[in-house]
Amino acid sequence: MDKRHKVKKGDQVKVLAGEHKGKEGTVKEVIKAKDRVVIEGVNMITRHVKPSATNPQGGVIEREAGIHISNVMVIDNQGNATRVGRRRADNGKLVRYSKKSNEEIK
């Protein structure tokens, strides 16, 4: 069964729990199978990589790791962390909206 996630790629989100609580960033990737999101500049890990064609030197690189989707909340247009709802717009399409400010999330 396909789960519907409230968070999408490109959304501004705030981390609610864990080591990075309070940090904000843009979602780079949503990993639906694992219910995780990768947020730009948050939850940085070091990874030891072997030399390859794309990275002939190899070495230690730093990159973002995933955070469970339940630990983040979407930031609406007014800058508030909010829950997300879905409703039909005037044109008949489903749109996401902020439950706090009742405005459409772009």
N, C-alpha and C. Protein backbone atom coordinates (compact mmCIF):
# COMPACT_ATOMS: atom_id res chain seq x y z
N MET A 1 0.84 -1.19 0.00
CA MET A 1 0.00 0.00 0.00
C MET A 1 0.88 1.24 0.00
N ASP A 2 0.50 2.20 -0.79
CA ASP A 2 1.27 3.44 -0.92
C ASP A 2 0.93 4.38 0.24
N LYS A 3 1.95 4.79 0.99
CA LYS A 3 1.74 5.73 2.08
C LYS A 3 1.76 7.15 1.52
N ARG A 4 0.96 8.01 2.09
CA ARG A 4 0.99 9.43 1.71
C ARG A 4 1.80 10.16 2.77
N HIS A 5 2.87 10.79 2.33
CA HIS A 5 3.68 11.57 3.24
C HIS A 5 3.34 13.04 3.09
N LYS A 6 3.36 13.76 4.20
CA LYS A 6 3.02 15.18 4.20
C LYS A 6 4.19 16.04 3.73
N VAL A 7 5.39 15.46 3.73
CA VAL A 7 6.60 16.21 3.39
C VAL A 7 7.03 15.85 1.97
N LYS A 8 7.40 16.86 1.20
CA LYS A 8 7.83 16.63 -0.18
C LYS A 8 9.20 17.26 -0.41
N LYS A 9 9.85 16.83 -1.47
CA LYS A 9 11.14 17.39 -1.86
C LYS A 9 10.98 18.89 -2.12
N GLY A 10 11.90 19.68 -1.56
CA GLY A 10 11.84 21.13 -1.74
C GLY A 10 11.15 21.87 -0.61
N ASP A 11 10.47 21.14 0.29
CA ASP A 11 9.79 21.78 1.43
C ASP A 11 10.80 22.31 2.43
N GLN A 12 10.46 23.42 3.09
CA GLN A 12 11.22 23.91 4.24
C GLN A 12 10.68 23.16 5.45
N VAL A 13 11.56 22.54 6.23
CA VAL A 13 11.12 21.79 7.40
C VAL A 13 11.94 22.16 8.62
N LYS A 14 11.39 21.85 9.80
CA LYS A 14 12.06 22.06 11.08
C LYS A 14 12.18 20.71 11.77
N VAL A 15 13.35 20.43 12.35
CA VAL A 15 13.57 19.16 13.06
C VAL A 15 13.00 19.31 14.46
N LEU A 16 12.14 18.37 14.87
CA LEU A 16 11.44 18.44 16.15
C LEU A 16 12.11 17.65 17.26
N ALA A 17 12.89 16.62 16.91
CA ALA A 17 13.43 15.74 17.94
C ALA A 17 14.80 15.24 17.54
N GLY A 18 15.57 14.83 18.51
CA GLY A 18 16.87 14.24 18.26
C GLY A 18 18.00 15.24 18.42
N GLU A 19 19.17 14.82 17.99
CA GLU A 19 20.39 15.60 18.16
C GLU A 19 20.33 16.95 17.44
N HIS A 20 19.58 17.02 16.36
CA HIS A 20 19.53 18.24 15.54
C HIS A 20 18.24 19.03 15.75
N LYS A 21 17.61 18.87 16.91
CA LYS A 21 16.35 19.53 17.23
C LYS A 21 16.48 21.05 17.07
N GLY A 22 15.51 21.65 16.38
CA GLY A 22 15.50 23.10 16.20
C GLY A 22 16.08 23.57 14.88
N LYS A 23 16.87 22.72 14.22
CA LYS A 23 17.47 23.11 12.95
C LYS A 23 16.43 23.11 11.84
N GLU A 24 16.63 24.00 10.87
CA GLU A 24 15.73 24.09 9.73
C GLU A 24 16.51 23.89 8.44
N GLY A 25 15.83 23.41 7.41
CA GLY A 25 16.49 23.21 6.13
C GLY A 25 15.49 22.79 5.07
N THR A 26 16.03 22.60 3.86
CA THR A 26 15.22 22.20 2.72
C THR A 26 15.36 20.70 2.49
N VAL A 27 14.25 20.04 2.19
CA VAL A 27 14.26 18.60 1.95
C VAL A 27 14.91 18.34 0.59
N LYS A 28 15.98 17.52 0.59
CA LYS A 28 16.66 17.15 -0.64
C LYS A 28 16.06 15.89 -1.25
N GLU A 29 15.59 15.00 -0.36
CA GLU A 29 15.12 13.69 -0.82
C GLU A 29 14.16 13.10 0.20
N VAL A 30 13.13 12.42 -0.29
CA VAL A 30 12.21 11.68 0.58
C VAL A 30 12.38 10.20 0.24
N ILE A 31 12.75 9.40 1.25
CA ILE A 31 12.95 7.97 1.06
C ILE A 31 11.69 7.27 1.61
N LYS A 32 10.72 7.03 0.72
CA LYS A 32 9.42 6.52 1.14
C LYS A 32 9.51 5.13 1.77
N ALA A 33 10.36 4.28 1.25
CA ALA A 33 10.45 2.91 1.74
C ALA A 33 10.89 2.85 3.20
N LYS A 34 11.70 3.81 3.62
CA LYS A 34 12.22 3.82 4.98
C LYS A 34 11.60 4.92 5.84
N ASP A 35 10.62 5.66 5.30
CA ASP A 35 9.98 6.78 6.02
C ASP A 35 11.00 7.79 6.52
N ARG A 36 11.95 8.15 5.67
CA ARG A 36 13.00 9.09 6.07
C ARG A 36 13.10 10.24 5.08
N VAL A 37 13.65 11.36 5.55
CA VAL A 37 13.91 12.51 4.68
C VAL A 37 15.36 12.93 4.86
N VAL A 38 15.96 13.42 3.78
CA VAL A 38 17.32 13.95 3.82
C VAL A 38 17.18 15.47 3.73
N ILE A 39 17.71 16.17 4.74
CA ILE A 39 17.58 17.62 4.82
C ILE A 39 18.95 18.26 4.60
N GLU A 40 18.97 19.28 3.76
CA GLU A 40 20.21 19.98 3.40
C GLU A 40 20.90 20.56 4.64
N GLY A 41 22.13 20.15 4.90
CA GLY A 41 22.94 20.69 5.99
C GLY A 41 22.61 20.17 7.37
N VAL A 42 21.73 19.18 7.49
CA VAL A 42 21.33 18.64 8.80
C VAL A 42 21.70 17.16 8.85
N ASN A 43 22.13 16.69 10.02
CA ASN A 43 22.49 15.29 10.26
C ASN A 43 23.65 14.86 9.36
N MET A 44 24.73 15.63 9.39
CA MET A 44 25.91 15.35 8.58
C MET A 44 26.68 14.16 9.16
N ILE A 45 27.08 13.24 8.27
CA ILE A 45 27.88 12.09 8.68
C ILE A 45 29.15 12.06 7.82
N THR A 46 30.18 11.37 8.32
CA THR A 46 31.39 11.18 7.51
C THR A 46 31.34 9.78 6.93
N ARG A 47 31.74 9.67 5.68
CA ARG A 47 31.70 8.40 4.98
C ARG A 47 33.07 8.14 4.35
N HIS A 48 33.65 6.97 4.60
CA HIS A 48 34.92 6.60 4.00
C HIS A 48 34.62 5.93 2.66
N VAL A 49 35.13 6.52 1.57
CA VAL A 49 34.82 5.99 0.25
C VAL A 49 36.09 5.48 -0.42
N LYS A 50 35.95 4.36 -1.13
CA LYS A 50 37.07 3.79 -1.87
C LYS A 50 37.26 4.59 -3.16
N PRO A 51 38.46 4.60 -3.68
CA PRO A 51 38.68 5.28 -4.97
C PRO A 51 37.81 4.64 -6.06
N SER A 52 37.23 5.48 -6.91
CA SER A 52 36.41 5.00 -8.01
C SER A 52 36.62 5.92 -9.21
N ALA A 53 35.92 5.65 -10.30
CA ALA A 53 36.06 6.48 -11.49
C ALA A 53 35.58 7.90 -11.22
N THR A 54 34.49 8.04 -10.46
CA THR A 54 33.97 9.37 -10.17
C THR A 54 34.78 10.08 -9.09
N ASN A 55 35.39 9.32 -8.19
CA ASN A 55 36.19 9.89 -7.10
C ASN A 55 37.52 9.14 -7.05
N PRO A 56 38.48 9.49 -7.96
CA PRO A 56 39.72 8.72 -8.05
C PRO A 56 40.59 8.78 -6.79
N GLN A 57 40.44 9.83 -6.01
CA GLN A 57 41.26 9.99 -4.80
C GLN A 57 40.72 9.14 -3.65
N GLY A 58 39.40 8.98 -3.58
CA GLY A 58 38.81 8.29 -2.43
C GLY A 58 38.89 9.19 -1.22
N GLY A 59 38.87 8.63 -0.02
CA GLY A 59 39.02 9.41 1.20
C GLY A 59 37.74 9.51 2.00
N VAL A 60 37.68 10.55 2.85
CA VAL A 60 36.56 10.75 3.75
C VAL A 60 35.72 11.91 3.23
N ILE A 61 34.42 11.65 3.02
CA ILE A 61 33.53 12.72 2.58
C ILE A 61 32.46 12.93 3.65
N GLU A 62 31.87 14.12 3.66
CA GLU A 62 30.81 14.43 4.60
C GLU A 62 29.53 14.63 3.80
N ARG A 63 28.45 13.99 4.26
CA ARG A 63 27.17 14.14 3.56
C ARG A 63 26.03 14.01 4.55
N GLU A 64 24.82 14.35 4.08
CA GLU A 64 23.65 14.29 4.94
C GLU A 64 23.13 12.86 5.04
N ALA A 65 22.65 12.50 6.22
CA ALA A 65 22.00 11.22 6.42
C ALA A 65 20.50 11.48 6.63
N GLY A 66 19.71 10.44 6.55
CA GLY A 66 18.28 10.59 6.69
C GLY A 66 17.83 10.79 8.13
N ILE A 67 16.68 11.45 8.28
CA ILE A 67 16.02 11.64 9.57
C ILE A 67 14.62 11.07 9.40
N HIS A 68 14.11 10.41 10.43
CA HIS A 68 12.77 9.84 10.32
C HIS A 68 11.75 10.95 10.09
N ILE A 69 10.80 10.67 9.22
CA ILE A 69 9.84 11.69 8.78
C ILE A 69 8.96 12.19 9.93
N SER A 70 8.81 11.38 10.98
CA SER A 70 7.99 11.81 12.12
C SER A 70 8.69 12.87 12.96
N ASN A 71 9.99 13.05 12.76
CA ASN A 71 10.75 14.01 13.54
C ASN A 71 10.90 15.37 12.86
N VAL A 72 10.19 15.58 11.75
CA VAL A 72 10.25 16.87 11.07
C VAL A 72 8.84 17.41 10.86
N MET A 73 8.75 18.74 10.76
CA MET A 73 7.46 19.39 10.54
C MET A 73 7.63 20.46 9.47
N VAL A 74 6.68 20.56 8.57
CA VAL A 74 6.73 21.52 7.47
C VAL A 74 6.59 22.94 8.01
N ILE A 75 7.34 23.87 7.41
CA ILE A 75 7.24 25.28 7.76
C ILE A 75 6.37 25.95 6.70
N ASP A 76 5.32 26.67 7.15
CA ASP A 76 4.41 27.31 6.20
C ASP A 76 4.97 28.64 5.71
N ASN A 77 4.18 29.35 4.90
CA ASN A 77 4.64 30.60 4.28
C ASN A 77 4.92 31.70 5.30
N GLN A 78 4.32 31.61 6.49
CA GLN A 78 4.53 32.61 7.53
C GLN A 78 5.70 32.26 8.45
N GLY A 79 6.34 31.11 8.21
CA GLY A 79 7.50 30.72 9.01
C GLY A 79 7.17 29.90 10.24
N ASN A 80 5.94 29.41 10.34
CA ASN A 80 5.54 28.59 11.49
C ASN A 80 5.62 27.11 11.14
N ALA A 81 6.08 26.31 12.10
CA ALA A 81 6.03 24.85 11.92
C ALA A 81 4.58 24.45 12.09
N THR A 82 4.07 23.65 11.16
CA THR A 82 2.64 23.35 11.16
C THR A 82 2.37 21.94 10.67
N ARG A 83 1.21 21.42 11.05
CA ARG A 83 0.73 20.18 10.48
C ARG A 83 0.18 20.48 9.10
N VAL A 84 0.10 19.46 8.27
CA VAL A 84 -0.31 19.65 6.88
C VAL A 84 -1.60 18.88 6.62
N GLY A 85 -2.55 19.55 5.95
CA GLY A 85 -3.79 18.90 5.54
C GLY A 85 -3.90 18.97 4.03
N ARG A 86 -4.90 18.25 3.50
CA ARG A 86 -5.14 18.28 2.04
C ARG A 86 -6.60 18.60 1.82
N ARG A 87 -6.85 19.46 0.84
CA ARG A 87 -8.23 19.80 0.50
C ARG A 87 -8.31 20.14 -0.98
N ARG A 88 -9.52 20.18 -1.49
CA ARG A 88 -9.74 20.52 -2.90
C ARG A 88 -9.70 22.03 -3.07
N ALA A 89 -8.95 22.48 -4.08
CA ALA A 89 -8.90 23.89 -4.41
C ALA A 89 -10.09 24.23 -5.31
N ASP A 90 -10.21 25.50 -5.68
CA ASP A 90 -11.30 25.95 -6.53
C ASP A 90 -11.30 25.26 -7.89
N ASN A 91 -10.06 24.95 -8.37
CA ASN A 91 -9.96 24.31 -9.68
C ASN A 91 -10.16 22.79 -9.62
N GLY A 92 -10.44 22.26 -8.44
CA GLY A 92 -10.72 20.83 -8.30
C GLY A 92 -9.51 19.98 -7.95
N LYS A 93 -8.33 20.57 -7.92
CA LYS A 93 -7.12 19.82 -7.59
C LYS A 93 -6.92 19.77 -6.08
N LEU A 94 -6.27 18.70 -5.61
CA LEU A 94 -5.92 18.60 -4.20
C LEU A 94 -4.70 19.47 -3.92
N VAL A 95 -4.77 20.27 -2.87
CA VAL A 95 -3.63 21.11 -2.48
C VAL A 95 -3.34 20.87 -1.01
N ARG A 96 -2.10 21.07 -0.63
CA ARG A 96 -1.71 20.96 0.78
C ARG A 96 -1.92 22.34 1.43
N TYR A 97 -2.35 22.32 2.69
CA TYR A 97 -2.52 23.59 3.39
C TYR A 97 -2.04 23.47 4.82
N SER A 98 -1.68 24.62 5.39
CA SER A 98 -1.21 24.70 6.76
C SER A 98 -2.40 24.66 7.70
N LYS A 99 -2.38 23.74 8.66
CA LYS A 99 -3.48 23.66 9.61
C LYS A 99 -3.42 24.79 10.63
N LYS A 100 -2.26 25.43 10.76
CA LYS A 100 -2.12 26.53 11.72
C LYS A 100 -2.65 27.83 11.13
N SER A 101 -2.23 28.17 9.90
CA SER A 101 -2.64 29.45 9.31
C SER A 101 -3.76 29.28 8.29
N ASN A 102 -4.11 28.04 7.95
CA ASN A 102 -5.17 27.72 6.99
C ASN A 102 -4.83 28.23 5.57
N GLU A 103 -3.56 28.46 5.28
CA GLU A 103 -3.14 28.92 3.96
C GLU A 103 -2.56 27.77 3.16
N GLU A 104 -2.62 27.89 1.85
CA GLU A 104 -2.08 26.87 0.96
C GLU A 104 -0.55 26.86 1.05
N ILE A 105 0.03 25.67 1.05
CA ILE A 105 1.49 25.53 1.09
C ILE A 105 1.98 25.41 -0.34
N LYS A 106 2.91 26.27 -0.69
CA LYS A 106 3.43 26.28 -2.06
C LYS A 106 4.73 25.53 -2.13
